[in-house]
Protein backbone atom coordinates (compact mmCIF):
# COMPACT_ATOMS: atom_id res chain seq x y z
CA MET A 1 -16.52 8.08 -15.88
CA LYS A 2 -15.93 10.42 -12.90
CA ILE A 3 -14.48 8.32 -10.09
CA HIS A 4 -13.59 9.21 -6.54
CA MET A 5 -11.36 6.88 -4.49
CA MET A 6 -11.13 6.70 -0.74
CA GLY A 7 -7.87 5.44 0.77
CA LEU A 8 -6.02 6.60 -2.32
CA GLY A 9 -2.63 6.72 -0.59
CA GLY A 10 -2.35 2.92 -0.18
CA ALA A 11 -0.34 0.73 -2.49
CA GLY A 12 -3.30 -1.05 -4.09
CA MET A 13 -5.56 1.98 -4.39
CA SER A 14 -2.85 4.23 -5.84
CA ALA A 15 -2.01 1.59 -8.47
CA LEU A 16 -5.67 1.20 -9.38
CA ALA A 17 -6.13 4.98 -9.61
CA LYS A 18 -3.36 5.18 -12.17
CA LEU A 19 -4.93 2.38 -14.28
CA LEU A 20 -8.37 4.02 -14.16
CA ASN A 21 -6.84 7.38 -15.08
CA GLY A 22 -4.90 5.72 -17.90
CA HIS A 23 -8.13 4.25 -19.30
CA GLY A 24 -9.51 7.82 -19.78
CA ASN A 25 -11.50 8.28 -16.59
CA PHE A 26 -11.53 11.41 -14.41
CA VAL A 27 -10.12 10.32 -11.06
CA THR A 28 -9.79 12.07 -7.72
CA GLY A 29 -9.27 10.68 -4.21
CA CYS A 30 -8.60 11.23 -0.55
CA ASP A 31 -6.72 9.66 2.33
CA LEU A 32 -6.06 10.35 5.97
CA GLN A 33 -2.36 10.68 5.31
CA ARG A 34 -0.25 12.13 2.52
CA PRO A 35 0.28 9.43 -0.11
CA HIS A 36 3.59 7.59 -0.18
CA TYR A 37 3.15 6.68 -3.83
CA ASP A 38 3.44 8.89 -6.91
CA LEU A 39 -0.13 9.54 -8.11
CA GLU A 40 0.91 11.02 -11.49
CA ASN A 41 -1.07 14.31 -10.96
CA ILE A 42 -4.22 12.64 -9.61
CA GLU A 43 -5.62 15.04 -6.96
CA CYS A 44 -5.64 13.63 -3.41
CA LYS A 45 -7.37 15.44 -0.55
CA ILE A 46 -6.16 14.82 2.95
CA GLY A 47 -8.96 13.56 5.24
CA HIS A 48 -12.47 12.24 4.48
CA SER A 49 -15.42 14.54 3.94
CA PRO A 50 -18.73 14.44 2.02
CA GLU A 51 -17.62 17.70 0.42
CA HIS A 52 -15.25 15.76 -1.77
CA LEU A 53 -18.24 14.33 -3.65
CA THR A 54 -20.02 17.64 -4.21
CA ARG A 55 -17.53 19.25 -6.55
CA GLU A 56 -18.28 16.91 -9.51
CA LYS A 57 -21.20 14.70 -10.56
CA TYR A 58 -19.43 11.42 -9.67
CA ASP A 59 -20.44 8.08 -11.18
CA LEU A 60 -18.49 5.92 -8.86
CA LEU A 61 -16.99 5.76 -5.39
CA VAL A 62 -14.22 3.22 -4.96
CA CYS A 63 -13.56 2.35 -1.30
CA SER A 64 -10.68 0.71 0.41
CA THR A 65 -11.79 -2.15 2.70
CA ALA A 66 -10.25 -0.23 5.54
CA ILE A 67 -12.98 2.42 5.23
CA ASP A 68 -15.91 1.97 7.64
CA SER A 69 -19.29 1.70 5.92
CA ALA A 70 -20.63 4.33 8.33
CA ASN A 71 -18.09 6.91 7.13
CA PRO A 72 -20.00 10.23 6.27
CA GLU A 73 -18.41 10.25 2.79
CA VAL A 74 -19.74 6.75 2.07
CA ALA A 75 -23.09 7.65 3.54
CA TYR A 76 -23.30 10.67 1.27
CA ALA A 77 -22.60 8.50 -1.76
CA ARG A 78 -25.39 6.06 -0.73
CA GLU A 79 -27.86 8.89 -0.18
CA HIS A 80 -27.12 10.47 -3.59
CA ASN A 81 -27.11 7.16 -5.60
CA ILE A 82 -23.37 7.23 -6.36
CA ARG A 83 -22.44 3.60 -7.01
CA ILE A 84 -20.02 2.20 -4.39
CA ILE A 85 -17.60 -0.63 -5.18
CA SER A 86 -14.45 -2.07 -3.66
CA ARG A 87 -10.91 -1.84 -5.00
CA ALA A 88 -11.00 -5.51 -5.96
CA GLN A 89 -14.34 -5.10 -7.85
CA ALA A 90 -12.99 -2.19 -9.85
CA LEU A 91 -9.70 -3.96 -10.57
CA SER A 92 -11.37 -7.24 -11.61
CA ASN A 93 -13.60 -5.40 -14.10
CA ILE A 94 -10.48 -4.31 -15.99
CA PHE A 95 -8.46 -7.53 -15.40
CA ASN A 96 -11.21 -9.90 -16.58
CA SER A 97 -11.55 -8.01 -19.88
CA LYS A 98 -7.90 -8.73 -20.84
CA PHE A 99 -5.62 -11.75 -21.00
CA GLY A 100 -5.01 -11.84 -17.27
CA ILE A 101 -1.93 -13.20 -15.51
CA GLY A 102 -2.98 -13.21 -11.83
CA ILE A 103 -0.30 -13.77 -9.17
CA ALA A 104 -1.52 -14.97 -5.73
CA GLY A 105 0.17 -16.40 -2.68
CA THR A 106 0.58 -15.71 1.00
CA HIS A 107 4.22 -14.72 0.36
CA GLY A 108 6.22 -13.71 -2.67
CA LYS A 109 3.42 -12.33 -4.88
CA THR A 110 4.79 -8.80 -5.00
CA THR A 111 8.23 -9.95 -6.16
CA THR A 112 6.86 -12.50 -8.58
CA SER A 113 4.46 -9.87 -10.04
CA SER A 114 7.37 -7.46 -10.36
CA MET A 115 9.55 -10.04 -12.11
CA THR A 116 6.72 -11.02 -14.49
CA GLY A 117 5.87 -7.40 -15.27
CA LEU A 118 9.54 -6.56 -15.97
CA ILE A 119 9.85 -9.52 -18.35
CA PHE A 120 6.75 -8.59 -20.36
CA LEU A 121 7.71 -4.89 -20.47
CA ASN A 122 11.22 -5.56 -21.70
CA ALA A 123 9.97 -8.20 -24.12
CA GLN A 124 7.94 -5.42 -25.81
CA LYS A 125 4.50 -6.88 -24.89
CA ASN A 126 3.25 -3.48 -23.70
CA PRO A 127 1.35 -4.99 -20.74
CA THR A 128 -0.89 -3.41 -18.12
CA VAL A 129 0.79 -3.98 -14.78
CA TYR A 130 -0.61 -3.71 -11.22
CA ILE A 131 1.70 -4.37 -8.23
CA GLY A 132 1.31 -3.74 -4.49
CA ALA A 133 4.66 -1.93 -4.17
CA ASN A 134 6.92 0.41 -6.12
CA VAL A 135 9.29 -1.44 -8.40
CA PRO A 136 12.48 0.59 -9.00
CA ASP A 137 13.26 -1.23 -12.25
CA ILE A 138 9.84 -0.26 -13.60
CA GLY A 139 9.70 3.16 -11.83
CA THR A 140 6.11 2.75 -10.52
CA ASN A 141 3.57 0.34 -9.11
CA ALA A 142 1.17 0.44 -12.10
CA ILE A 143 1.31 0.76 -15.86
CA SER A 144 -1.65 1.14 -18.20
CA GLY A 145 -0.43 -0.64 -21.27
CA SER A 146 -2.15 -0.98 -24.69
CA GLY A 147 -1.20 -4.71 -25.11
CA ARG A 148 -3.44 -7.69 -24.44
CA PHE A 149 -1.69 -8.84 -21.25
CA PHE A 150 -2.65 -7.69 -17.70
CA ILE A 151 -0.25 -8.76 -14.95
CA ALA A 152 -1.66 -8.27 -11.51
CA GLU A 153 -0.76 -9.06 -7.94
CA LEU A 154 -3.93 -10.36 -6.37
CA ASP A 155 -4.80 -10.09 -2.67
CA GLU A 156 -6.11 -13.06 -0.73
CA SER A 157 -6.40 -11.24 2.65
CA ASP A 158 -10.21 -10.71 2.36
CA GLY A 159 -11.03 -13.36 -0.23
CA SER A 160 -11.35 -10.77 -2.99
CA PHE A 161 -8.96 -12.62 -5.32
CA GLU A 162 -11.90 -14.94 -6.05
CA LEU A 163 -13.40 -12.14 -8.20
CA PHE A 164 -10.68 -12.69 -10.85
CA HIS A 165 -10.67 -15.16 -13.70
CA PRO A 166 -7.06 -15.42 -14.89
CA ASN A 167 -5.95 -16.93 -18.15
CA ILE A 168 -2.78 -17.74 -16.25
CA ALA A 169 -3.05 -18.16 -12.45
CA ILE A 170 0.12 -18.39 -10.33
CA ILE A 171 0.14 -19.54 -6.67
CA THR A 172 3.54 -19.01 -5.07
CA ASN A 173 2.40 -20.64 -1.84
CA ALA A 174 -0.72 -21.03 0.31
CA ASP A 175 0.21 -20.53 4.00
CA TRP A 176 -2.22 -19.76 6.83
CA ASP A 177 -2.42 -15.99 7.40
CA HIS A 178 -5.07 -13.25 7.79
CA VAL A 179 -6.54 -15.15 10.68
CA ASP A 180 -9.21 -12.49 11.12
CA HIS A 181 -10.73 -13.69 7.78
CA TYR A 182 -9.58 -17.35 7.54
CA LYS A 183 -10.40 -18.93 10.87
CA THR A 184 -8.53 -22.16 10.07
CA ARG A 185 -5.76 -23.21 7.74
CA LEU A 186 -8.19 -25.26 5.73
CA ASP A 187 -10.39 -22.15 5.17
CA GLY A 188 -7.43 -20.49 3.45
CA LEU A 189 -6.50 -23.49 1.41
CA GLU A 190 -10.09 -23.87 0.16
CA ALA A 191 -10.04 -20.19 -0.94
CA PHE A 192 -6.81 -20.76 -2.91
CA THR A 193 -8.37 -23.82 -4.50
CA ARG A 194 -11.41 -21.80 -5.59
CA PHE A 195 -9.04 -19.16 -7.02
CA ALA A 196 -7.27 -21.88 -9.04
CA ASP A 197 -10.57 -23.18 -10.36
CA ASN A 198 -11.76 -19.68 -11.21
CA ARG A 199 -9.20 -19.40 -14.02
CA SER A 200 -10.66 -19.12 -17.53
CA GLU A 201 -11.65 -22.18 -19.51
CA ASN A 202 -8.45 -23.95 -20.63
CA GLY A 203 -6.50 -21.52 -18.44
CA VAL A 204 -3.05 -22.33 -17.08
CA LEU A 205 -2.32 -22.89 -13.39
CA ILE A 206 1.28 -22.46 -12.22
CA LEU A 207 2.06 -23.89 -8.76
CA CYS A 208 5.10 -24.04 -6.51
CA ALA A 209 5.81 -27.74 -5.77
CA GLU A 210 7.99 -26.81 -2.73
CA ASP A 211 5.02 -25.52 -0.76
CA ASP A 212 2.69 -27.80 1.24
CA GLY A 213 -0.28 -25.48 0.76
CA ALA A 214 0.22 -25.18 -2.99
CA ASN A 215 0.53 -28.98 -3.17
CA HIS A 216 -2.85 -29.19 -1.35
CA VAL A 217 -4.32 -26.95 -4.04
CA PHE A 218 -2.75 -29.19 -6.74
CA GLU A 219 -4.40 -32.22 -5.23
CA SER A 220 -7.76 -30.49 -4.63
CA CYS A 221 -8.21 -28.39 -7.81
CA ASP A 222 -10.10 -29.29 -10.99
CA LYS A 223 -7.52 -31.11 -13.09
CA ASN A 224 -9.74 -30.85 -16.20
CA ARG A 225 -9.89 -27.08 -16.07
CA GLY A 226 -6.73 -26.56 -18.08
CA LYS A 227 -2.96 -27.05 -18.05
CA ILE A 228 -1.13 -27.31 -14.73
CA ILE A 229 2.57 -26.39 -14.43
CA ARG A 230 4.63 -27.04 -11.33
CA TYR A 231 8.05 -25.59 -10.41
CA GLY A 232 10.60 -26.33 -7.72
CA PHE A 233 14.15 -27.39 -6.93
CA GLY A 234 15.82 -30.16 -8.94
CA ASN A 235 14.88 -31.18 -12.43
CA GLY A 236 11.83 -33.34 -11.64
CA PHE A 237 9.22 -30.63 -12.26
CA ASP A 238 8.01 -28.70 -15.36
CA TRP A 239 10.44 -25.98 -14.35
CA GLY A 240 13.28 -26.59 -11.94
CA ALA A 241 16.39 -24.93 -10.47
CA PHE A 242 19.41 -26.95 -9.38
CA ASP A 243 23.12 -26.63 -8.66
CA ILE A 244 22.43 -23.33 -6.81
CA LYS A 245 25.28 -21.12 -5.66
CA TYR A 246 24.89 -17.99 -3.54
CA LYS A 247 26.97 -14.89 -4.24
CA SER A 248 28.70 -12.98 -1.50
CA GLY A 249 26.92 -9.69 -1.00
CA GLY A 250 23.67 -10.97 -2.47
CA GLY A 251 22.21 -12.88 -5.39
CA SER A 252 22.52 -16.39 -6.75
CA VAL A 253 23.31 -18.53 -9.81
CA ALA A 254 21.39 -21.66 -10.73
CA ARG A 255 21.03 -24.11 -13.60
CA ILE A 256 17.48 -24.30 -14.93
CA SER A 257 15.57 -27.19 -16.40
CA HIS A 258 12.33 -27.32 -18.38
CA ASP A 259 10.50 -30.67 -18.74
CA GLY A 260 13.61 -32.35 -17.27
CA VAL A 261 16.01 -30.82 -19.86
CA GLU A 262 18.60 -28.24 -18.88
CA VAL A 263 17.92 -25.00 -20.73
CA GLY A 264 20.49 -22.61 -19.34
CA ILE A 265 21.79 -20.52 -16.44
CA LEU A 266 19.77 -18.05 -14.30
CA GLU A 267 21.70 -15.38 -12.47
CA LEU A 268 19.86 -13.18 -10.00
CA ASN A 269 20.81 -10.04 -8.08
CA VAL A 270 18.09 -10.64 -5.48
CA SER A 271 18.90 -13.17 -2.69
CA GLY A 272 17.28 -16.21 -1.25
CA GLU A 273 15.86 -19.57 -2.31
CA HIS A 274 12.38 -18.04 -2.28
CA ASN A 275 13.45 -15.57 -5.05
CA ILE A 276 14.74 -18.40 -7.17
CA LEU A 277 11.27 -19.99 -6.89
CA ASN A 278 9.62 -16.68 -7.63
CA SER A 279 11.70 -16.29 -10.79
CA LEU A 280 10.67 -19.79 -11.98
CA ALA A 281 7.00 -18.78 -11.72
CA ALA A 282 7.65 -15.65 -13.76
CA ILE A 283 9.68 -17.57 -16.34
CA ALA A 284 6.93 -20.20 -16.66
CA ALA A 285 4.24 -17.58 -17.19
CA ALA A 286 6.32 -15.79 -19.77
CA TYR A 287 7.10 -19.02 -21.66
CA GLU A 288 3.36 -19.77 -21.87
CA CYS A 289 2.97 -16.41 -23.62
CA GLY A 290 5.76 -17.05 -26.16
CA ILE A 291 8.68 -15.48 -24.35
CA LYS A 292 11.67 -17.78 -24.46
CA PHE A 293 13.75 -18.67 -21.41
CA GLU A 294 16.83 -17.02 -22.87
CA ILE A 295 15.02 -13.72 -22.99
CA SER A 296 13.40 -14.00 -19.51
CA SER A 297 16.69 -15.00 -17.84
CA GLN A 298 18.56 -12.08 -19.40
CA ILE A 299 15.88 -9.61 -18.21
CA LEU A 300 15.78 -11.10 -14.65
CA LYS A 301 19.55 -10.77 -14.44
CA ASN A 302 18.97 -7.01 -14.20
CA PHE A 303 16.09 -7.20 -11.67
CA HIS A 304 16.95 -5.41 -8.44
CA GLY A 305 13.88 -6.16 -6.36
CA SER A 306 10.75 -4.43 -5.18
CA GLU A 307 10.49 -1.67 -2.66
CA ARG A 308 10.68 -2.94 0.94
CA ARG A 309 11.74 -6.42 -0.14
CA MET A 310 15.28 -6.90 1.23
CA GLN A 311 15.90 -3.34 -0.01
CA ILE A 312 19.34 -1.99 0.79
CA LYS A 313 18.72 1.61 2.01
CA GLY A 314 22.32 2.68 2.56
CA GLU A 315 25.35 2.44 4.83
CA ARG A 316 26.57 4.54 7.74
CA ASP A 317 29.64 4.07 9.93
CA GLY A 318 30.13 0.57 8.43
CA VAL A 319 26.53 -0.46 9.20
CA LEU A 320 24.52 -1.68 6.24
CA VAL A 321 20.79 -0.75 6.53
CA VAL A 322 18.35 -3.18 4.91
CA ASP A 323 14.52 -2.97 4.97
CA ASP A 324 11.99 -5.80 4.48
CA TYR A 325 8.21 -6.03 4.50
CA ALA A 326 8.07 -9.45 6.06
CA HIS A 327 5.50 -9.76 8.82
CA HIS A 328 4.52 -13.45 8.83
CA PRO A 329 6.99 -15.90 10.43
CA THR A 330 7.49 -17.86 7.16
CA GLU A 331 8.43 -14.67 5.36
CA MET A 332 10.66 -13.59 8.21
CA MET A 333 12.64 -16.90 8.18
CA ALA A 334 12.98 -16.71 4.38
CA THR A 335 14.45 -13.20 4.59
CA LEU A 336 16.83 -14.05 7.45
CA ARG A 337 18.10 -17.16 5.64
CA ALA A 338 18.69 -15.13 2.53
CA MET A 339 20.56 -12.50 4.56
CA ARG A 340 22.77 -15.22 6.16
CA ASN A 341 23.65 -16.60 2.75
CA ALA A 342 24.44 -13.16 1.37
CA PHE A 343 26.32 -11.82 4.38
CA PRO A 344 27.66 -14.86 6.26
CA ASN A 345 30.24 -12.88 8.27
CA ARG A 346 28.13 -9.90 9.40
CA ARG A 347 26.07 -9.56 12.54
CA ILE A 348 22.36 -9.07 11.95
CA ILE A 349 20.60 -6.63 14.31
CA LEU A 350 16.87 -6.92 13.64
CA VAL A 351 14.11 -4.45 14.52
CA PHE A 352 10.65 -5.95 14.00
CA GLN A 353 7.26 -4.27 14.05
CA PRO A 354 4.41 -6.85 14.41
CA HIS A 355 1.43 -6.36 12.09
CA ARG A 356 -2.11 -6.75 13.56
CA PHE A 357 -3.16 -8.06 16.94
CA SER A 358 -4.83 -11.12 15.43
CA ARG A 359 -1.68 -12.29 13.66
CA THR A 360 0.45 -11.61 16.77
CA ALA A 361 -2.02 -13.58 18.94
CA GLN A 362 -1.92 -16.55 16.60
CA PHE A 363 1.78 -16.65 15.66
CA ALA A 364 3.64 -15.13 18.64
CA THR A 365 5.71 -18.29 19.26
CA GLU A 366 6.61 -18.71 15.62
CA ILE A 367 7.50 -14.96 15.30
CA SER A 368 9.77 -15.26 18.42
CA GLN A 369 11.52 -18.31 16.89
CA ALA A 370 12.15 -16.39 13.63
CA LEU A 371 13.47 -13.35 15.44
CA SER A 372 15.90 -15.61 17.37
CA PHE A 373 17.59 -16.39 14.09
CA ALA A 374 19.07 -12.89 14.16
CA ASP A 375 22.09 -12.15 16.32
CA ARG A 376 20.10 -9.59 18.28
CA ALA A 377 16.41 -8.57 17.90
CA PHE A 378 14.21 -5.81 19.07
CA VAL A 379 10.43 -5.81 18.84
CA LEU A 380 8.35 -2.57 18.58
CA PRO A 381 4.70 -2.04 19.54
CA ILE A 382 2.11 -3.67 17.30
CA TYR A 383 1.08 -1.88 14.10
CA ALA A 384 -2.66 -2.41 14.36
CA ALA A 385 -3.64 -1.21 10.83
CA SER A 386 -7.45 -1.13 10.91
CA GLU A 387 -7.77 -3.69 13.63
CA LYS A 388 -8.97 -3.15 17.19
CA ASN A 389 -6.79 -4.08 20.16
CA ILE A 390 -7.07 -7.58 21.63
CA SER A 391 -6.84 -7.62 25.36
CA GLY A 392 -3.55 -9.11 26.65
CA ILE A 393 -1.87 -9.15 23.25
CA THR A 394 1.31 -6.99 23.07
CA SER A 395 4.71 -7.17 21.54
CA ARG A 396 6.14 -7.90 24.95
CA LYS A 397 4.67 -11.43 24.66
CA ILE A 398 6.99 -12.02 21.70
CA ALA A 399 10.06 -10.66 23.52
CA ASP A 400 9.30 -12.65 26.71
CA LEU A 401 9.49 -15.94 24.78
CA ASN A 402 13.26 -15.44 24.31
CA SER A 403 14.42 -12.59 26.54
CA ALA A 404 18.06 -13.62 26.03
CA LYS A 405 17.96 -12.50 22.40
CA ILE A 406 14.81 -10.33 22.02
CA SER A 407 14.02 -7.05 23.77
CA TYR A 408 10.92 -4.93 23.67
CA LEU A 409 11.53 -1.40 22.38
CA GLU A 410 9.42 1.74 22.22
CA PHE A 411 9.71 3.94 19.12
CA GLU A 412 10.86 6.97 21.07
CA ASN A 413 13.86 5.11 22.52
CA ALA A 414 14.66 3.05 19.43
CA LEU A 415 17.23 5.21 17.73
CA ASP A 416 19.33 5.80 20.88
CA THR A 417 19.23 2.07 21.71
CA LEU A 418 20.31 1.15 18.14
CA ARG A 419 23.18 3.70 18.16
CA SER A 420 24.61 2.06 21.34
CA GLU A 421 24.06 -1.46 19.94
CA LEU A 422 25.34 -1.19 16.36
CA LYS A 423 29.02 -1.71 15.44
CA ASN A 424 31.10 -1.40 12.31
CA GLY A 425 30.31 -4.39 10.09
CA ASP A 426 26.81 -4.94 11.38
CA ILE A 427 23.61 -5.13 9.36
CA LEU A 428 20.61 -3.19 10.69
CA LEU A 429 17.53 -4.99 9.36
CA THR A 430 14.17 -3.26 9.78
CA MET A 431 11.24 -5.62 9.24
CA GLY A 432 7.46 -5.33 9.22
CA ALA A 433 4.51 -3.96 7.35
CA GLY A 434 4.12 -0.67 9.27
CA ASN A 435 6.45 2.33 9.48
CA VAL A 436 9.43 0.47 10.99
CA TYR A 437 11.47 1.41 7.89
CA GLU A 438 11.61 4.94 9.19
CA LEU A 439 14.07 3.85 11.91
CA GLY A 440 16.61 2.80 9.31
CA GLU A 441 16.16 6.02 7.40
CA ASP A 442 16.51 8.05 10.66
CA PHE A 443 19.74 6.10 11.45
CA LEU A 444 21.15 6.97 8.02
CA ASN A 445 20.20 10.58 8.38
CA LEU A 446 21.71 11.18 11.80
CA SER A 447 23.57 14.48 11.88
CA VAL A 448 26.35 13.24 14.13
């Protein structure tokens, strides 16, 4: 097929483009900005224009949900009978034709997908892999493999993960987020339950027993649909981690149990309790596909994390620069706890960029509480993404809730403020889903 993709520069769309291209399709695309991801020679035009669809006789237009339906390029496709589908529809068509391992969750799905993909790749399963971030250990965010397994990070933000029918469904957690789509916490939990019950007949459901939302799914889901596996801390679950020790500078070591019996040691380079749980989900999925714990644990020992997930960017003048994608208060606290365990004697200077007005309006108090866990915090203007402003909602609201520790900061003044604040031995932690990471890179690249 000849396929054109709008919003090609995004993480999900760029990964999908590589899969479609790898399956023998002719793929082009466009985006308003130059793509951050390697597109492997797929042409990407900058900007949107109907002219993009006149150069070839296209069969399909794949649209990011961020693209307005009134866009002239979309309108041209409708007028000329070019089929229009969403990213999730295109992805699910491929996923549902294979043995799908679908990883969902409000938090942790990128890292869990990365871990699972790395295990299957190194175990010579030749999987297809789709992840919402670059994974340095894999070298990309998507691989079109010839094997039967398809490992995919699935997005709950707009409910599109309900299009997928995994053979193995993983739910890392089910927190309330994306308040523009899920008006109540229960709305979100019901969507996760439907996802769990959408797995294939006799499919496997893998759930985190340490999460209240995932436990709600466990209580609500169809128990007769297939096997259910739960993981958590201790040895009272199907898979468990206990006797956990944190390594100075990052990482952890834990003893692992399966069905209550100790099976060995898991050593991780990535930090935090949440990553121990993520690894248990990946290990459980691999075990169900014939990959022994001994193999998975050895592979995960060499896992160095995903891009923008507690990613160490470099060091300058004794200041360690770390970047993290966290933008929900639960994620923020998990990252900060992991940083405290890894670097107990270093001061954490945090720069946070809120993501979306709706999330800021709903969780301002919780975000402020999380920021207060740092030694000093700065909050930037809100990254709106595709969302319209909400009157009265600004980042200053977050800062005002704890002015002793949190200050509002404009981008144009940020670097000078940080230079005067940072001292030898500090950690500069940039956090958020927007372009806040650029501040850390700018600090590292200062000429003086």
